């Protein structure tokens, strides 16, 4: 007769749902409006440095920003990354 293996899992663990490790998507938001900018790349120059230094799945980009505008950002972007352009221009 085969021996039953003792479980080393915590009691009730077999009934608990298993955590599935998923890699999230990384999105860079480049925006100069102060209510948003504190949590994001606050100008085009900082955003461009981040975009070229790290890997992002997408960039949300404002067109009108200080230092480097959205057009300059697009020209300086060295990686093939999808970009969605946002603008508050009428």
PDB file of N, CA and C in Angstrom:
ATOM      1  N   UNK A   1       0.836  -1.174   0.000  1.00  0.00           N
ATOM      2  CA  UNK A   1       0.000   0.000   0.000  1.00  0.00           C
ATOM      3  C   UNK A   1       0.890   1.250   0.000  1.00  0.00           C
ATOM      4  N   UNK A   2       0.562   2.244  -0.846  1.00  0.00           N
ATOM      5  CA  UNK A   2       1.357   3.463  -0.955  1.00  0.00           C
ATOM      6  C   UNK A   2       1.099   4.373   0.230  1.00  0.00           C
ATOM      7  N   UNK A   3       2.165   5.048   0.651  1.00  0.00           N
ATOM      8  CA  UNK A   3       2.051   5.981   1.772  1.00  0.00           C
ATOM      9  C   UNK A   3       1.430   7.286   1.309  1.00  0.00           C
ATOM     10  N   UNK A   4       0.597   7.862   2.134  1.00  0.00           N
ATOM     11  CA  UNK A   4       0.038   9.188   1.849  1.00  0.00           C
ATOM     12  C   UNK A   4       1.051  10.234   2.267  1.00  0.00           C
ATOM     13  N   UNK A   5       1.291  11.201   1.404  1.00  0.00           N
ATOM     14  CA  UNK A   5       2.210  12.282   1.752  1.00  0.00           C
ATOM     15  C   UNK A   5       1.487  13.293   2.616  1.00  0.00           C
ATOM     16  N   UNK A   6       2.172  13.744   3.662  1.00  0.00           N
ATOM     17  CA  UNK A   6       1.606  14.776   4.513  1.00  0.00           C
ATOM     18  C   UNK A   6       1.749  16.123   3.834  1.00  0.00           C
ATOM     19  N   UNK A   7       0.716  16.900   3.876  1.00  0.00           N
ATOM     20  CA  UNK A   7       0.744  18.237   3.296  1.00  0.00           C
ATOM     21  C   UNK A   7       1.458  19.190   4.240  1.00  0.00           C
ATOM     22  N   UNK A   8       2.299  20.038   3.674  1.00  0.00           N
ATOM     23  CA  UNK A   8       2.982  21.052   4.482  1.00  0.00           C
ATOM     24  C   UNK A   8       2.298  22.406   4.360  1.00  0.00           C
ATOM     25  N   UNK A   9       1.195  22.445   3.612  1.00  0.00           N
ATOM     26  CA  UNK A   9       0.469  23.698   3.421  1.00  0.00           C
ATOM     27  C   UNK A   9      -0.305  24.054   4.678  1.00  0.00           C
ATOM     28  N   UNK A  10      -0.594  25.311   4.831  1.00  0.00           N
ATOM     29  CA  UNK A  10      -1.372  25.777   5.971  1.00  0.00           C
ATOM     30  C   UNK A  10      -2.771  25.180   5.900  1.00  0.00           C
ATOM     31  N   UNK A  11      -3.394  24.979   7.044  1.00  0.00           N
ATOM     32  CA  UNK A  11      -4.752  24.432   7.044  1.00  0.00           C
ATOM     33  C   UNK A  11      -5.677  25.301   6.204  1.00  0.00           C
ATOM     34  N   UNK A  12      -6.481  24.670   5.376  1.00  0.00           N
ATOM     35  CA  UNK A  12      -7.420  25.387   4.519  1.00  0.00           C
ATOM     36  C   UNK A  12      -6.800  25.943   3.257  1.00  0.00           C
ATOM     37  N   UNK A  13      -5.484  25.790   3.080  1.00  0.00           N
ATOM     38  CA  UNK A  13      -4.804  26.368   1.921  1.00  0.00           C
ATOM     39  C   UNK A  13      -5.229  25.719   0.624  1.00  0.00           C
ATOM     40  N   UNK A  14      -5.597  24.425   0.661  1.00  0.00           N
ATOM     41  CA  UNK A  14      -5.990  23.758  -0.571  1.00  0.00           C
ATOM     42  C   UNK A  14      -7.275  24.336  -1.135  1.00  0.00           C
ATOM     43  N   UNK A  15      -8.105  24.916  -0.260  1.00  0.00           N
ATOM     44  CA  UNK A  15      -9.365  25.498  -0.693  1.00  0.00           C
ATOM     45  C   UNK A  15      -9.224  26.953  -1.132  1.00  0.00           C
ATOM     46  N   UNK A  16      -8.122  27.585  -0.756  1.00  0.00           N
ATOM     47  CA  UNK A  16      -7.923  28.999  -1.081  1.00  0.00           C
ATOM     48  C   UNK A  16      -7.546  29.149  -2.547  1.00  0.00           C
ATOM     49  N   UNK A  17      -8.012  30.200  -3.193  1.00  0.00           N
ATOM     50  CA  UNK A  17      -7.612  30.415  -4.588  1.00  0.00           C
ATOM     51  C   UNK A  17      -6.125  30.684  -4.677  1.00  0.00           C
ATOM     52  N   UNK A  18      -5.512  30.182  -5.717  1.00  0.00           N
ATOM     53  CA  UNK A  18      -4.079  30.384  -5.898  1.00  0.00           C
ATOM     54  C   UNK A  18      -3.839  31.748  -6.520  1.00  0.00           C
ATOM     55  N   UNK A  19      -2.833  32.441  -6.014  1.00  0.00           N
ATOM     56  CA  UNK A  19      -2.464  33.742  -6.572  1.00  0.00           C
ATOM     57  C   UNK A  19      -1.729  33.507  -7.881  1.00  0.00           C
ATOM     58  N   UNK A  20      -2.134  34.208  -8.877  1.00  0.00           N
ATOM     59  CA  UNK A  20      -1.485  34.110 -10.178  1.00  0.00           C
ATOM     60  C   UNK A  20      -0.666  35.373 -10.377  1.00  0.00           C
ATOM     61  N   UNK A  21       0.622  35.190 -10.549  1.00  0.00           N
ATOM     62  CA  UNK A  21       1.489  36.351 -10.760  1.00  0.00           C
ATOM     63  C   UNK A  21       1.338  36.821 -12.197  1.00  0.00           C
ATOM     64  N   UNK A  22       0.917  38.040 -12.367  1.00  0.00           N
ATOM     65  CA  UNK A  22       0.768  38.623 -13.699  1.00  0.00           C
ATOM     66  C   UNK A  22       1.637  39.860 -13.768  1.00  0.00           C
ATOM     67  N   UNK A  23       2.256  40.037 -14.891  1.00  0.00           N
ATOM     68  CA  UNK A  23       3.014  41.259 -15.085  1.00  0.00           C
ATOM     69  C   UNK A  23       2.059  42.331 -15.583  1.00  0.00           C
ATOM     70  N   UNK A  24       2.084  43.477 -14.917  1.00  0.00           N
ATOM     71  CA  UNK A  24       1.222  44.569 -15.312  1.00  0.00           C
ATOM     72  C   UNK A  24       1.835  45.353 -16.460  1.00  0.00           C
ATOM     73  N   UNK A  25       1.028  46.147 -17.086  1.00  0.00           N
ATOM     74  CA  UNK A  25       1.483  47.030 -18.150  1.00  0.00           C
ATOM     75  C   UNK A  25       2.029  48.297 -17.519  1.00  0.00           C
ATOM     76  N   UNK A  26       3.069  48.819 -18.109  1.00  0.00           N
ATOM     77  CA  UNK A  26       3.713  50.020 -17.594  1.00  0.00           C
ATOM     78  C   UNK A  26       3.421  51.156 -18.565  1.00  0.00           C
ATOM     79  N   UNK A  27       2.744  52.190 -18.084  1.00  0.00           N
ATOM     80  CA  UNK A  27       2.351  53.319 -18.922  1.00  0.00           C
ATOM     81  C   UNK A  27       3.014  54.589 -18.389  1.00  0.00           C
ATOM     82  N   UNK A  28       3.644  55.334 -19.283  1.00  0.00           N
ATOM     83  CA  UNK A  28       4.235  56.624 -18.920  1.00  0.00           C
ATOM     84  C   UNK A  28       3.257  57.717 -19.316  1.00  0.00           C
ATOM     85  N   UNK A  29       2.948  58.609 -18.377  1.00  0.00           N
ATOM     86  CA  UNK A  29       2.074  59.748 -18.659  1.00  0.00           C
ATOM     87  C   UNK A  29       2.914  61.005 -18.544  1.00  0.00           C
ATOM     88  N   UNK A  30       2.989  61.749 -19.626  1.00  0.00           N
ATOM     89  CA  UNK A  30       3.785  62.979 -19.672  1.00  0.00           C
ATOM     90  C   UNK A  30       2.816  64.148 -19.734  1.00  0.00           C
ATOM     91  N   UNK A  31       2.709  64.897 -18.644  1.00  0.00           N
ATOM     92  CA  UNK A  31       1.689  65.933 -18.489  1.00  0.00           C
ATOM     93  C   UNK A  31       2.239  67.033 -17.602  1.00  0.00           C
ATOM     94  N   UNK A  32       1.987  68.285 -17.958  1.00  0.00           N
ATOM     95  CA  UNK A  32       2.509  69.397 -17.159  1.00  0.00           C
ATOM     96  C   UNK A  32       1.471  70.064 -16.271  1.00  0.00           C
ATOM     97  N   UNK A  33       0.211  69.689 -16.351  1.00  0.00           N
ATOM     98  CA  UNK A  33      -0.811  70.288 -15.498  1.00  0.00           C
ATOM     99  C   UNK A  33      -0.545  69.885 -14.048  1.00  0.00           C
ATOM    100  N   UNK A  34      -0.478  70.858 -13.160  1.00  0.00           N
ATOM    101  CA  UNK A  34      -0.066  70.611 -11.776  1.00  0.00           C
ATOM    102  C   UNK A  34      -0.907  69.582 -11.012  1.00  0.00           C
ATOM    103  N   UNK A  35      -2.219  69.539 -11.182  1.00  0.00           N
ATOM    104  CA  UNK A  35      -2.964  68.513 -10.442  1.00  0.00           C
ATOM    105  C   UNK A  35      -2.532  67.089 -10.808  1.00  0.00           C
ATOM    106  N   UNK A  36      -2.057  66.889 -12.012  1.00  0.00           N
ATOM    107  CA  UNK A  36      -1.620  65.562 -12.448  1.00  0.00           C
ATOM    108  C   UNK A  36      -0.113  65.381 -12.369  1.00  0.00           C
ATOM    109  N   UNK A  37       0.621  66.452 -12.582  1.00  0.00           N
ATOM    110  CA  UNK A  37       2.072  66.356 -12.764  1.00  0.00           C
ATOM    111  C   UNK A  37       2.826  65.859 -11.533  1.00  0.00           C
ATOM    112  N   UNK A  38       2.285  66.025 -10.345  1.00  0.00           N
ATOM    113  CA  UNK A  38       3.015  65.584  -9.152  1.00  0.00           C
ATOM    114  C   UNK A  38       3.227  64.078  -9.133  1.00  0.00           C
ATOM    115  N   UNK A  39       2.405  63.334  -9.845  1.00  0.00           N
ATOM    116  CA  UNK A  39       2.535  61.870  -9.852  1.00  0.00           C
ATOM    117  C   UNK A  39       3.095  61.352 -11.176  1.00  0.00           C
ATOM    118  N   UNK A  40       3.442  62.255 -12.067  1.00  0.00           N
ATOM    119  CA  UNK A  40       3.838  61.868 -13.416  1.00  0.00           C
ATOM    120  C   UNK A  40       5.108  62.591 -13.826  1.00  0.00           C
ATOM    121  N   UNK A  41       5.560  62.326 -15.051  1.00  0.00           N
ATOM    122  CA  UNK A  41       6.664  63.108 -15.596  1.00  0.00           C
ATOM    123  C   UNK A  41       6.111  64.509 -15.864  1.00  0.00           C
ATOM    124  N   UNK A  42       6.617  65.517 -15.184  1.00  0.00           N
ATOM    125  CA  UNK A  42       6.017  66.842 -15.189  1.00  0.00           C
ATOM    126  C   UNK A  42       6.334  67.732 -16.362  1.00  0.00           C
ATOM    127  N   UNK A  43       7.249  67.336 -17.224  1.00  0.00           N
ATOM    128  CA  UNK A  43       7.505  68.118 -18.428  1.00  0.00           C
ATOM    129  C   UNK A  43       8.055  67.179 -19.503  1.00  0.00           C
ATOM    130  N   UNK A  44       8.120  67.689 -20.722  1.00  0.00           N
ATOM    131  CA  UNK A  44       8.552  66.856 -21.840  1.00  0.00           C
ATOM    132  C   UNK A  44       9.973  66.344 -21.719  1.00  0.00           C
ATOM    133  N   UNK A  45      10.851  67.156 -21.176  1.00  0.00           N
ATOM    134  CA  UNK A  45      12.248  66.751 -21.037  1.00  0.00           C
ATOM    135  C   UNK A  45      12.386  65.556 -20.080  1.00  0.00           C
ATOM    136  N   UNK A  46      11.738  65.657 -18.911  1.00  0.00           N
ATOM    137  CA  UNK A  46      11.775  64.556 -17.938  1.00  0.00           C
ATOM    138  C   UNK A  46      11.108  63.306 -18.493  1.00  0.00           C
ATOM    139  N   UNK A  47      10.000  63.506 -19.198  1.00  0.00           N
ATOM    140  CA  UNK A  47       9.295  62.372 -19.795  1.00  0.00           C
ATOM    141  C   UNK A  47      10.121  61.670 -20.853  1.00  0.00           C
ATOM    142  N   UNK A  48      10.817  62.440 -21.658  1.00  0.00           N
ATOM    143  CA  UNK A  48      11.649  61.867 -22.718  1.00  0.00           C
ATOM    144  C   UNK A  48      12.803  61.063 -22.125  1.00  0.00           C
ATOM    145  N   UNK A  49      13.404  61.584 -21.076  1.00  0.00           N
ATOM    146  CA  UNK A  49      14.485  60.844 -20.406  1.00  0.00           C
ATOM    147  C   UNK A  49      13.962  59.511 -19.871  1.00  0.00           C
ATOM    148  N   UNK A  50      12.805  59.546 -19.227  1.00  0.00           N
ATOM    149  CA  UNK A  50      12.208  58.317 -18.697  1.00  0.00           C
ATOM    150  C   UNK A  50      11.857  57.337 -19.814  1.00  0.00           C
ATOM    151  N   UNK A  51      11.250  57.851 -20.869  1.00  0.00           N
ATOM    152  CA  UNK A  51      10.805  56.991 -21.975  1.00  0.00           C
ATOM    153  C   UNK A  51      11.974  56.296 -22.648  1.00  0.00           C
ATOM    154  N   UNK A  52      13.105  56.972 -22.753  1.00  0.00           N
ATOM    155  CA  UNK A  52      14.271  56.373 -23.406  1.00  0.00           C
ATOM    156  C   UNK A  52      15.098  55.503 -22.456  1.00  0.00           C
ATOM    157  N   UNK A  53      14.925  55.700 -21.146  1.00  0.00           N
ATOM    158  CA  UNK A  53      15.710  54.941 -20.170  1.00  0.00           C
ATOM    159  C   UNK A  53      15.020  53.645 -19.740  1.00  0.00           C
ATOM    160  N   UNK A  54      13.688  53.637 -19.751  1.00  0.00           N
ATOM    161  CA  UNK A  54      12.934  52.483 -19.278  1.00  0.00           C
ATOM    162  C   UNK A  54      12.029  51.959 -20.388  1.00  0.00           C
ATOM    163  N   UNK A  55      11.424  50.808 -20.134  1.00  0.00           N
ATOM    164  CA  UNK A  55      10.504  50.223 -21.108  1.00  0.00           C
ATOM    165  C   UNK A  55       9.076  50.461 -20.648  1.00  0.00           C
ATOM    166  N   UNK A  56       8.282  51.039 -21.524  1.00  0.00           N
ATOM    167  CA  UNK A  56       6.871  51.286 -21.255  1.00  0.00           C
ATOM    168  C   UNK A  56       6.041  50.618 -22.346  1.00  0.00           C
ATOM    169  N   UNK A  57       4.843  50.174 -21.982  1.00  0.00           N
ATOM    170  CA  UNK A  57       3.950  49.555 -22.956  1.00  0.00           C
ATOM    171  C   UNK A  57       3.199  50.609 -23.758  1.00  0.00           C
ATOM    172  N   UNK A  58       3.134  51.826 -23.212  1.00  0.00           N
ATOM    173  CA  UNK A  58       2.411  52.907 -23.868  1.00  0.00           C
ATOM    174  C   UNK A  58       2.818  54.230 -23.237  1.00  0.00           C
ATOM    175  N   UNK A  59       2.685  55.296 -23.996  1.00  0.00           N
ATOM    176  CA  UNK A  59       2.922  56.647 -23.483  1.00  0.00           C
ATOM    177  C   UNK A  59       1.670  57.468 -23.755  1.00  0.00           C
ATOM    178  N   UNK A  60       1.155  58.143 -22.732  1.00  0.00           N
ATOM    179  CA  UNK A  60       0.100  59.143 -22.892  1.00  0.00           C
ATOM    180  C   UNK A  60       0.806  60.486 -22.870  1.00  0.00           C
ATOM    181  N   UNK A  61       0.699  61.245 -23.932  1.00  0.00           N
ATOM    182  CA  UNK A  61       1.536  62.426 -24.126  1.00  0.00           C
ATOM    183  C   UNK A  61       0.724  63.691 -24.355  1.00  0.00           C
ATOM    184  N   UNK A  62       1.004  64.713 -23.560  1.00  0.00           N
ATOM    185  CA  UNK A  62       0.429  66.041 -23.765  1.00  0.00           C
ATOM    186  C   UNK A  62       1.265  66.734 -24.837  1.00  0.00           C
ATOM    187  N   UNK A  63       0.642  67.548 -25.675  1.00  0.00           N
ATOM    188  CA  UNK A  63       1.389  68.252 -26.722  1.00  0.00           C
ATOM    189  C   UNK A  63       2.048  69.530 -26.230  1.00  0.00           C
ATOM    190  N   UNK A  64       1.331  70.307 -25.426  1.00  0.00           N
ATOM    191  CA  UNK A  64       1.824  71.605 -25.001  1.00  0.00           C
ATOM    192  C   UNK A  64       2.418  71.481 -23.597  1.00  0.00           C
ATOM    193  N   UNK A  65       3.762  71.484 -23.531  1.00  0.00           N
ATOM    194  CA  UNK A  65       4.478  71.341 -22.256  1.00  0.00           C
ATOM    195  C   UNK A  65       5.727  72.202 -22.285  1.00  0.00           C
ATOM    196  N   UNK A  66       6.260  72.530 -21.094  1.00  0.00           N
ATOM    197  CA  UNK A  66       7.517  73.286 -21.047  1.00  0.00           C
ATOM    198  C   UNK A  66       8.716  72.392 -21.376  1.00  0.00           C
ATOM    199  N   UNK A  67       9.818  73.022 -21.664  1.00  0.00           N
ATOM    200  CA  UNK A  67      11.125  72.416 -21.954  1.00  0.00           C
ATOM    201  C   UNK A  67      11.131  71.669 -23.276  1.00  0.00           C
ATOM    202  N   UNK A  68      10.405  70.575 -23.389  1.00  0.00           N
ATOM    203  CA  UNK A  68      10.276  69.843 -24.659  1.00  0.00           C
ATOM    204  C   UNK A  68       8.788  69.613 -24.873  1.00  0.00           C
ATOM    205  N   UNK A  69       8.240  70.113 -25.988  1.00  0.00           N
ATOM    206  CA  UNK A  69       6.814  69.896 -26.229  1.00  0.00           C
ATOM    207  C   UNK A  69       6.579  68.485 -26.771  1.00  0.00           C
ATOM    208  N   UNK A  70       5.316  68.152 -26.991  1.00  0.00           N
ATOM    209  CA  UNK A  70       4.971  66.811 -27.449  1.00  0.00           C
ATOM    210  C   UNK A  70       5.607  66.440 -28.776  1.00  0.00           C
ATOM    211  N   UNK A  71       5.743  67.411 -29.664  1.00  0.00           N
ATOM    212  CA  UNK A  71       6.355  67.137 -30.975  1.00  0.00           C
ATOM    213  C   UNK A  71       7.841  66.815 -30.809  1.00  0.00           C
ATOM    214  N   UNK A  72       8.521  67.582 -29.954  1.00  0.00           N
ATOM    215  CA  UNK A  72       9.930  67.309 -29.676  1.00  0.00           C
ATOM    216  C   UNK A  72      10.112  65.967 -28.983  1.00  0.00           C
ATOM    217  N   UNK A  73       9.154  65.628 -28.116  1.00  0.00           N
ATOM    218  CA  UNK A  73       9.185  64.328 -27.449  1.00  0.00           C
ATOM    219  C   UNK A  73       9.137  63.213 -28.488  1.00  0.00           C
ATOM    220  N   UNK A  74       8.202  63.329 -29.417  1.00  0.00           N
ATOM    221  CA  UNK A  74       8.057  62.295 -30.448  1.00  0.00           C
ATOM    222  C   UNK A  74       9.314  62.183 -31.310  1.00  0.00           C
ATOM    223  N   UNK A  75       9.929  63.309 -31.627  1.00  0.00           N
ATOM    224  CA  UNK A  75      11.164  63.280 -32.418  1.00  0.00           C
ATOM    225  C   UNK A  75      12.316  62.645 -31.641  1.00  0.00           C
ATOM    226  N   UNK A  76      12.340  62.848 -30.322  1.00  0.00           N
ATOM    227  CA  UNK A  76      13.436  62.333 -29.499  1.00  0.00           C
ATOM    228  C   UNK A  76      13.227  60.919 -28.971  1.00  0.00           C
ATOM    229  N   UNK A  77      12.032  60.382 -29.151  1.00  0.00           N
ATOM    230  CA  UNK A  77      11.738  59.044 -28.652  1.00  0.00           C
ATOM    231  C   UNK A  77      12.498  58.015 -29.475  1.00  0.00           C
ATOM    232  N   UNK A  78      13.357  57.235 -28.816  1.00  0.00           N
ATOM    233  CA  UNK A  78      14.233  56.294 -29.514  1.00  0.00           C
ATOM    234  C   UNK A  78      13.663  54.885 -29.586  1.00  0.00           C
ATOM    235  N   UNK A  79      12.648  54.597 -28.805  1.00  0.00           N
ATOM    236  CA  UNK A  79      12.079  53.256 -28.766  1.00  0.00           C
ATOM    237  C   UNK A  79      10.749  53.236 -29.505  1.00  0.00           C
ATOM    238  N   UNK A  80      10.411  52.079 -30.042  1.00  0.00           N
ATOM    239  CA  UNK A  80       9.108  51.927 -30.695  1.00  0.00           C
ATOM    240  C   UNK A  80       8.082  51.625 -29.614  1.00  0.00           C
ATOM    241  N   UNK A  81       7.420  52.668 -29.176  1.00  0.00           N
ATOM    242  CA  UNK A  81       6.424  52.571 -28.122  1.00  0.00           C
ATOM    243  C   UNK A  81       5.146  53.226 -28.611  1.00  0.00           C
ATOM    244  N   UNK A  82       3.993  52.579 -28.443  1.00  0.00           N
ATOM    245  CA  UNK A  82       2.734  53.238 -28.831  1.00  0.00           C
ATOM    246  C   UNK A  82       2.536  54.522 -28.022  1.00  0.00           C
ATOM    247  N   UNK A  83       2.100  55.577 -28.707  1.00  0.00           N
ATOM    248  CA  UNK A  83       1.886  56.868 -28.051  1.00  0.00           C
ATOM    249  C   UNK A  83       0.478  57.330 -28.349  1.00  0.00           C
ATOM    250  N   UNK A  84      -0.236  57.737 -27.301  1.00  0.00           N
ATOM    251  CA  UNK A  84      -1.538  58.386 -27.457  1.00  0.00           C
ATOM    252  C   UNK A  84      -1.325  59.850 -27.105  1.00  0.00           C
ATOM    253  N   UNK A  85      -1.650  60.732 -28.045  1.00  0.00           N
ATOM    254  CA  UNK A  85      -1.455  62.163 -27.846  1.00  0.00           C
ATOM    255  C   UNK A  85      -2.715  62.765 -27.268  1.00  0.00           C
ATOM    256  N   UNK A  86      -2.539  63.512 -26.176  1.00  0.00           N
ATOM    257  CA  UNK A  86      -3.649  64.216 -25.518  1.00  0.00           C
ATOM    258  C   UNK A  86      -3.446  65.710 -25.724  1.00  0.00           C
ATOM    259  N   UNK A  87      -4.523  66.419 -25.929  1.00  0.00           N
ATOM    260  CA  UNK A  87      -4.388  67.861 -26.081  1.00  0.00           C
ATOM    261  C   UNK A  87      -5.669  68.552 -25.628  1.00  0.00           C
ATOM    262  N   UNK A  88      -5.495  69.712 -25.064  1.00  0.00           N
ATOM    263  CA  UNK A  88      -6.642  70.517 -24.670  1.00  0.00           C
ATOM    264  C   UNK A  88      -6.795  71.687 -25.633  1.00  0.00           C
ATOM    265  N   UNK A  89      -6.274  71.534 -26.822  1.00  0.00           N
ATOM    266  CA  UNK A  89      -6.394  72.587 -27.834  1.00  0.00           C
ATOM    267  C   UNK A  89      -7.760  72.463 -28.500  1.00  0.00           C
ATOM    268  N   UNK A  90      -8.561  73.525 -28.385  1.00  0.00           N
ATOM    269  CA  UNK A  90      -9.905  73.595 -28.920  1.00  0.00           C
ATOM    270  C   UNK A  90     -10.162  72.661 -29.998  1.00  0.00           C
TER     271      UNK A  90
END
